[in-house]
Amino acid sequence: MTTRDLSLLTAAALFASGSGALSQPDPKAFETRAVFSIDEDAMTLTSVAATIEPRPGAPGYSGVQISFYAFKFTTADIAGAVKGRVESMDAKWTRTASDPKVYNHSYAFIQLTVDKDFKVWQIDMSVPGHACTIASSEPRVKSALQEYRFDGTRLRLKSKGSFVCDLGLAGPNRRFGWDLDLDVPVFRKVA
């Protein structure tokens, strides 16, 4: 049997078994309940997609971007997420811009900067109009992550906390808050 034959046989077996890279994950894998706040303004988001890609300018480190949305994902959204692409979800969120109340309460992301062993070194949070590094030292990262497991393809994260972000000359300090409890697949971003 040639290497090509073996590859075709393996692909056919994965496809037939419904496992591996060729299968579509359960849509429930993208459901969550995450709460984010800036000062007293809070939002609850119900869908999540997580991707990983190398951090530009930081050899040996990757960014795990966990994007949260206020709408349920379609089959097309999930197909994109499996390829590490969230453009269709971002486009839906952007279309809400005509209503600032909806726009400002329908998206957030957390980015974990991880090393080659998936140890978290930094946590960034962003909601419309506000972004902050909420943990930039090992003690702060440990404090922010009550539970963290990541093997490169699946992320288990439980995190609840707040952080006063010193915005310096950019404006008044803001209290960033979050309450996350998720177990999600993570997909490599495709260029």
C-alpha atoms as a PDB file:
ATOM      1  CA  MET A   1       0.000   0.000   0.000  1.00  0.00           C
ATOM      2  CA  THR A   2       1.425   3.412  -0.964  1.00  0.00           C
ATOM      3  CA  THR A   3       1.517   6.482   1.279  1.00  0.00           C
ATOM      4  CA  ARG A   4      -1.165   8.061  -0.926  1.00  0.00           C
ATOM      5  CA  ASP A   5      -3.427   5.009  -0.526  1.00  0.00           C
ATOM      6  CA  LEU A   6      -2.924   5.090   3.238  1.00  0.00           C
ATOM      7  CA  SER A   7      -3.799   8.816   3.346  1.00  0.00           C
ATOM      8  CA  LEU A   8      -6.974   8.264   1.325  1.00  0.00           C
ATOM      9  CA  LEU A   9      -7.966   5.339   3.517  1.00  0.00           C
ATOM     10  CA  THR A  10      -7.406   7.391   6.698  1.00  0.00           C
ATOM     11  CA  ALA A  11      -9.441  10.315   5.326  1.00  0.00           C
ATOM     12  CA  ALA A  12     -12.273   7.975   4.336  1.00  0.00           C
ATOM     13  CA  ALA A  13     -12.282   6.374   7.797  1.00  0.00           C
ATOM     14  CA  LEU A  14     -12.381   9.757   9.536  1.00  0.00           C
ATOM     15  CA  PHE A  15     -15.196  10.905   7.285  1.00  0.00           C
ATOM     16  CA  ALA A  16     -17.213   7.718   7.802  1.00  0.00           C
ATOM     17  CA  SER A  17     -16.750   7.770  11.581  1.00  0.00           C
ATOM     18  CA  GLY A  18     -17.772  11.412  11.871  1.00  0.00           C
ATOM     19  CA  SER A  19     -14.610  12.266  13.797  1.00  0.00           C
ATOM     20  CA  GLY A  20     -11.472  14.226  13.124  1.00  0.00           C
ATOM     21  CA  ALA A  21     -10.955  17.405  11.165  1.00  0.00           C
ATOM     22  CA  LEU A  22     -13.573  16.551   8.556  1.00  0.00           C
ATOM     23  CA  SER A  23     -16.552  16.503  10.938  1.00  0.00           C
ATOM     24  CA  GLN A  24     -18.663  19.479  11.904  1.00  0.00           C
ATOM     25  CA  PRO A  25     -18.847  20.105  15.663  1.00  0.00           C
ATOM     26  CA  ASP A  26     -22.132  20.093  17.537  1.00  0.00           C
ATOM     27  CA  PRO A  27     -23.703  23.595  17.331  1.00  0.00           C
ATOM     28  CA  LYS A  28     -24.151  23.482  21.118  1.00  0.00           C
ATOM     29  CA  ALA A  29     -20.354  23.616  21.416  1.00  0.00           C
ATOM     30  CA  PHE A  30     -20.624  27.309  20.459  1.00  0.00           C
ATOM     31  CA  GLU A  31     -23.262  28.211  23.058  1.00  0.00           C
ATOM     32  CA  THR A  32     -22.280  29.961  26.271  1.00  0.00           C
ATOM     33  CA  ARG A  33     -23.358  32.534  28.813  1.00  0.00           C
ATOM     34  CA  ALA A  34     -20.702  35.165  29.335  1.00  0.00           C
ATOM     35  CA  VAL A  35     -21.127  38.452  31.174  1.00  0.00           C
ATOM     36  CA  PHE A  36     -18.907  41.465  30.480  1.00  0.00           C
ATOM     37  CA  SER A  37     -19.062  44.928  32.000  1.00  0.00           C
ATOM     38  CA  ILE A  38     -17.435  48.311  31.839  1.00  0.00           C
ATOM     39  CA  ASP A  39     -18.116  50.155  35.080  1.00  0.00           C
ATOM     40  CA  GLU A  40     -21.862  49.573  35.692  1.00  0.00           C
ATOM     41  CA  ASP A  41     -22.768  48.836  32.044  1.00  0.00           C
ATOM     42  CA  ALA A  42     -23.097  45.045  31.624  1.00  0.00           C
ATOM     43  CA  MET A  43     -23.951  42.704  28.756  1.00  0.00           C
ATOM     44  CA  THR A  44     -24.655  38.983  28.497  1.00  0.00           C
ATOM     45  CA  LEU A  45     -23.438  37.188  25.357  1.00  0.00           C
ATOM     46  CA  THR A  46     -24.620  33.739  24.274  1.00  0.00           C
ATOM     47  CA  SER A  47     -22.334  32.456  21.489  1.00  0.00           C
ATOM     48  CA  VAL A  48     -18.584  31.905  21.391  1.00  0.00           C
ATOM     49  CA  ALA A  49     -15.914  31.070  18.796  1.00  0.00           C
ATOM     50  CA  ALA A  50     -12.261  30.523  19.689  1.00  0.00           C
ATOM     51  CA  THR A  51      -9.255  30.653  17.379  1.00  0.00           C
ATOM     52  CA  ILE A  52      -5.493  30.447  17.772  1.00  0.00           C
ATOM     53  CA  GLU A  53      -2.724  31.986  15.697  1.00  0.00           C
ATOM     54  CA  PRO A  54       0.932  32.983  16.180  1.00  0.00           C
ATOM     55  CA  ARG A  55       1.407  36.407  17.813  1.00  0.00           C
ATOM     56  CA  PRO A  56       3.041  38.779  15.322  1.00  0.00           C
ATOM     57  CA  GLY A  57       6.377  40.026  16.628  1.00  0.00           C
ATOM     58  CA  ALA A  58       6.412  37.532  19.510  1.00  0.00           C
ATOM     59  CA  PRO A  59       8.166  34.344  18.368  1.00  0.00           C
ATOM     60  CA  GLY A  60       7.093  31.286  20.364  1.00  0.00           C
ATOM     61  CA  TYR A  61       3.814  32.846  21.501  1.00  0.00           C
ATOM     62  CA  SER A  62       0.290  32.489  20.171  1.00  0.00           C
ATOM     63  CA  GLY A  63      -2.910  34.391  20.697  1.00  0.00           C
ATOM     64  CA  VAL A  64      -6.060  32.465  21.624  1.00  0.00           C
ATOM     65  CA  GLN A  65      -8.880  34.826  20.686  1.00  0.00           C
ATOM     66  CA  ILE A  66     -12.218  34.003  22.263  1.00  0.00           C
ATOM     67  CA  SER A  67     -14.941  36.003  20.504  1.00  0.00           C
ATOM     68  CA  PHE A  68     -18.368  36.349  22.136  1.00  0.00           C
ATOM     69  CA  TYR A  69     -21.545  37.397  20.321  1.00  0.00           C
ATOM     70  CA  ALA A  70     -25.184  38.141  21.226  1.00  0.00           C
ATOM     71  CA  PHE A  71     -26.704  35.991  18.468  1.00  0.00           C
ATOM     72  CA  LYS A  72     -26.940  32.275  17.725  1.00  0.00           C
ATOM     73  CA  PHE A  73     -24.545  30.965  15.076  1.00  0.00           C
ATOM     74  CA  THR A  74     -25.820  29.618  11.768  1.00  0.00           C
ATOM     75  CA  THR A  75     -24.451  26.524  10.041  1.00  0.00           C
ATOM     76  CA  ALA A  76     -22.386  28.831   7.807  1.00  0.00           C
ATOM     77  CA  ASP A  77     -20.961  30.642  10.857  1.00  0.00           C
ATOM     78  CA  ILE A  78     -19.913  27.308  12.378  1.00  0.00           C
ATOM     79  CA  ALA A  79     -18.366  26.142   9.094  1.00  0.00           C
ATOM     80  CA  GLY A  80     -16.282  29.339   9.081  1.00  0.00           C
ATOM     81  CA  ALA A  81     -15.299  28.938  12.745  1.00  0.00           C
ATOM     82  CA  VAL A  82     -14.013  25.406  12.048  1.00  0.00           C
ATOM     83  CA  LYS A  83     -11.603  27.030   9.565  1.00  0.00           C
ATOM     84  CA  GLY A  84     -10.583  29.618  12.157  1.00  0.00           C
ATOM     85  CA  ARG A  85     -12.598  32.325  10.432  1.00  0.00           C
ATOM     86  CA  VAL A  86     -15.029  34.590  12.284  1.00  0.00           C
ATOM     87  CA  GLU A  87     -15.654  37.140   9.531  1.00  0.00           C
ATOM     88  CA  SER A  88     -19.314  36.165   9.047  1.00  0.00           C
ATOM     89  CA  MET A  89     -20.013  36.660  12.757  1.00  0.00           C
ATOM     90  CA  ASP A  90     -18.068  39.933  12.823  1.00  0.00           C
ATOM     91  CA  ALA A  91     -20.047  41.147   9.799  1.00  0.00           C
ATOM     92  CA  LYS A  92     -23.357  40.399  11.555  1.00  0.00           C
ATOM     93  CA  TRP A  93     -22.187  42.270  14.620  1.00  0.00           C
ATOM     94  CA  THR A  94     -20.968  45.234  12.530  1.00  0.00           C
ATOM     95  CA  ARG A  95     -24.374  45.492  10.827  1.00  0.00           C
ATOM     96  CA  THR A  96     -25.863  46.430  14.220  1.00  0.00           C
ATOM     97  CA  ALA A  97     -23.807  49.665  14.223  1.00  0.00           C
ATOM     98  CA  SER A  98     -26.855  51.739  13.247  1.00  0.00           C
ATOM     99  CA  ASP A  99     -28.207  51.104  16.769  1.00  0.00           C
ATOM    100  CA  PRO A 100     -25.446  51.940  19.283  1.00  0.00           C
ATOM    101  CA  LYS A 101     -27.338  50.307  22.175  1.00  0.00           C
ATOM    102  CA  VAL A 102     -27.349  46.973  20.289  1.00  0.00           C
ATOM    103  CA  TYR A 103     -23.860  47.401  18.804  1.00  0.00           C
ATOM    104  CA  ASN A 104     -22.234  48.226  22.143  1.00  0.00           C
ATOM    105  CA  HIS A 105     -23.851  45.242  23.894  1.00  0.00           C
ATOM    106  CA  SER A 106     -23.420  42.456  21.353  1.00  0.00           C
ATOM    107  CA  TYR A 107     -19.696  41.623  21.153  1.00  0.00           C
ATOM    108  CA  ALA A 108     -16.634  41.128  23.339  1.00  0.00           C
ATOM    109  CA  PHE A 109     -13.396  39.219  23.153  1.00  0.00           C
ATOM    110  CA  ILE A 110     -10.791  37.847  25.464  1.00  0.00           C
ATOM    111  CA  GLN A 111      -7.314  37.144  24.124  1.00  0.00           C
ATOM    112  CA  LEU A 112      -4.963  34.816  25.950  1.00  0.00           C
ATOM    113  CA  THR A 113      -1.286  35.071  25.054  1.00  0.00           C
ATOM    114  CA  VAL A 114       0.130  31.557  25.446  1.00  0.00           C
ATOM    115  CA  ASP A 115       3.559  30.012  25.010  1.00  0.00           C
ATOM    116  CA  LYS A 116       4.373  26.770  23.180  1.00  0.00           C
ATOM    117  CA  ASP A 117       3.195  24.770  26.216  1.00  0.00           C
ATOM    118  CA  PHE A 118      -0.091  26.762  26.308  1.00  0.00           C
ATOM    119  CA  LYS A 119       0.813  28.550  29.552  1.00  0.00           C
ATOM    120  CA  VAL A 120      -1.001  31.909  29.726  1.00  0.00           C
ATOM    121  CA  TRP A 121       1.254  34.965  30.052  1.00  0.00           C
ATOM    122  CA  GLN A 122      -1.201  37.790  29.362  1.00  0.00           C
ATOM    123  CA  ILE A 123      -4.960  38.362  29.147  1.00  0.00           C
ATOM    124  CA  ASP A 124      -6.556  41.159  27.122  1.00  0.00           C
ATOM    125  CA  MET A 125     -10.245  42.083  27.057  1.00  0.00           C
ATOM    126  CA  SER A 126     -12.147  44.197  24.565  1.00  0.00           C
ATOM    127  CA  VAL A 127     -15.726  45.384  24.248  1.00  0.00           C
ATOM    128  CA  PRO A 128     -16.906  48.027  21.780  1.00  0.00           C
ATOM    129  CA  GLY A 129     -15.082  51.262  22.573  1.00  0.00           C
ATOM    130  CA  HIS A 130     -12.888  49.801  25.335  1.00  0.00           C
ATOM    131  CA  ALA A 131      -9.815  47.568  25.446  1.00  0.00           C
ATOM    132  CA  CYS A 132      -7.421  46.712  28.251  1.00  0.00           C
ATOM    133  CA  THR A 133      -4.749  44.258  29.304  1.00  0.00           C
ATOM    134  CA  ILE A 134      -6.459  42.830  32.393  1.00  0.00           C
ATOM    135  CA  ALA A 135      -3.608  40.535  33.447  1.00  0.00           C
ATOM    136  CA  SER A 136       0.022  41.058  32.462  1.00  0.00           C
ATOM    137  CA  SER A 137       1.908  39.262  35.207  1.00  0.00           C
ATOM    138  CA  GLU A 138       1.930  35.669  36.421  1.00  0.00           C
ATOM    139  CA  PRO A 139       0.154  36.471  39.738  1.00  0.00           C
ATOM    140  CA  ARG A 140      -2.578  38.448  37.952  1.00  0.00           C
ATOM    141  CA  VAL A 141      -3.059  35.710  35.341  1.00  0.00           C
ATOM    142  CA  LYS A 142      -3.386  33.080  38.102  1.00  0.00           C
ATOM    143  CA  SER A 143      -5.882  35.268  39.935  1.00  0.00           C
ATOM    144  CA  ALA A 144      -7.963  35.854  36.784  1.00  0.00           C
ATOM    145  CA  LEU A 145      -8.152  32.175  35.777  1.00  0.00           C
ATOM    146  CA  GLN A 146     -10.019  30.098  38.349  1.00  0.00           C
ATOM    147  CA  GLU A 147      -9.900  27.131  35.953  1.00  0.00           C
ATOM    148  CA  TYR A 148      -7.839  26.803  32.779  1.00  0.00           C
ATOM    149  CA  ARG A 149      -7.094  23.792  30.607  1.00  0.00           C
ATOM    150  CA  PHE A 150      -5.972  24.041  27.007  1.00  0.00           C
ATOM    151  CA  ASP A 151      -4.430  21.338  24.842  1.00  0.00           C
ATOM    152  CA  GLY A 152      -4.252  23.295  21.587  1.00  0.00           C
ATOM    153  CA  THR A 153      -7.688  22.206  20.335  1.00  0.00           C
ATOM    154  CA  ARG A 154     -10.057  22.462  23.326  1.00  0.00           C
ATOM    155  CA  LEU A 155     -10.258  25.197  25.955  1.00  0.00           C
ATOM    156  CA  ARG A 156     -11.840  24.875  29.379  1.00  0.00           C
ATOM    157  CA  LEU A 157     -11.966  28.286  31.044  1.00  0.00           C
ATOM    158  CA  LYS A 158     -13.651  29.541  34.157  1.00  0.00           C
ATOM    159  CA  SER A 159     -12.879  33.119  35.031  1.00  0.00           C
ATOM    160  CA  LYS A 160     -14.656  35.769  37.060  1.00  0.00           C
ATOM    161  CA  GLY A 161     -13.184  39.055  38.129  1.00  0.00           C
ATOM    162  CA  SER A 162     -12.691  42.737  37.583  1.00  0.00           C
ATOM    163  CA  PHE A 163      -9.775  45.021  36.883  1.00  0.00           C
ATOM    164  CA  VAL A 164      -9.488  48.806  36.962  1.00  0.00           C
ATOM    165  CA  CYS A 165      -7.787  49.771  33.739  1.00  0.00           C
ATOM    166  CA  ASP A 166      -5.555  52.835  33.991  1.00  0.00           C
ATOM    167  CA  LEU A 167      -6.184  54.594  30.707  1.00  0.00           C
ATOM    168  CA  GLY A 168      -3.806  57.464  31.495  1.00  0.00           C
ATOM    169  CA  LEU A 169      -4.303  60.387  29.127  1.00  0.00           C
ATOM    170  CA  ALA A 170      -6.801  58.412  27.001  1.00  0.00           C
ATOM    171  CA  GLY A 171      -9.595  59.061  29.505  1.00  0.00           C
ATOM    172  CA  PRO A 172     -10.905  58.131  32.929  1.00  0.00           C
ATOM    173  CA  ASN A 173     -10.060  54.765  34.452  1.00  0.00           C
ATOM    174  CA  ARG A 174     -12.639  52.048  33.765  1.00  0.00           C
ATOM    175  CA  ARG A 175     -13.555  48.933  35.713  1.00  0.00           C
ATOM    176  CA  PHE A 176     -13.554  45.923  33.361  1.00  0.00           C
ATOM    177  CA  GLY A 177     -15.582  42.974  34.643  1.00  0.00           C
ATOM    178  CA  TRP A 178     -16.122  39.445  33.318  1.00  0.00           C
ATOM    179  CA  ASP A 179     -17.794  36.186  34.272  1.00  0.00           C
ATOM    180  CA  LEU A 180     -16.979  33.253  31.942  1.00  0.00           C
ATOM    181  CA  ASP A 181     -17.515  29.526  32.200  1.00  0.00           C
ATOM    182  CA  LEU A 182     -16.842  27.733  28.929  1.00  0.00           C
ATOM    183  CA  ASP A 183     -15.602  24.534  27.353  1.00  0.00           C
ATOM    184  CA  VAL A 184     -15.088  25.144  23.645  1.00  0.00           C
ATOM    185  CA  PRO A 185     -13.211  23.858  20.607  1.00  0.00           C
ATOM    186  CA  VAL A 186     -10.364  26.090  19.417  1.00  0.00           C
ATOM    187  CA  PHE A 187      -9.570  26.288  15.712  1.00  0.00           C
ATOM    188  CA  ARG A 188      -6.328  27.352  14.053  1.00  0.00           C
ATOM    189  CA  LYS A 189      -6.769  30.554  12.055  1.00  0.00           C
ATOM    190  CA  VAL A 190      -6.276  29.975   8.345  1.00  0.00           C
ATOM    191  CA  ALA A 191      -4.555  32.798   6.436  1.00  0.00           C
END
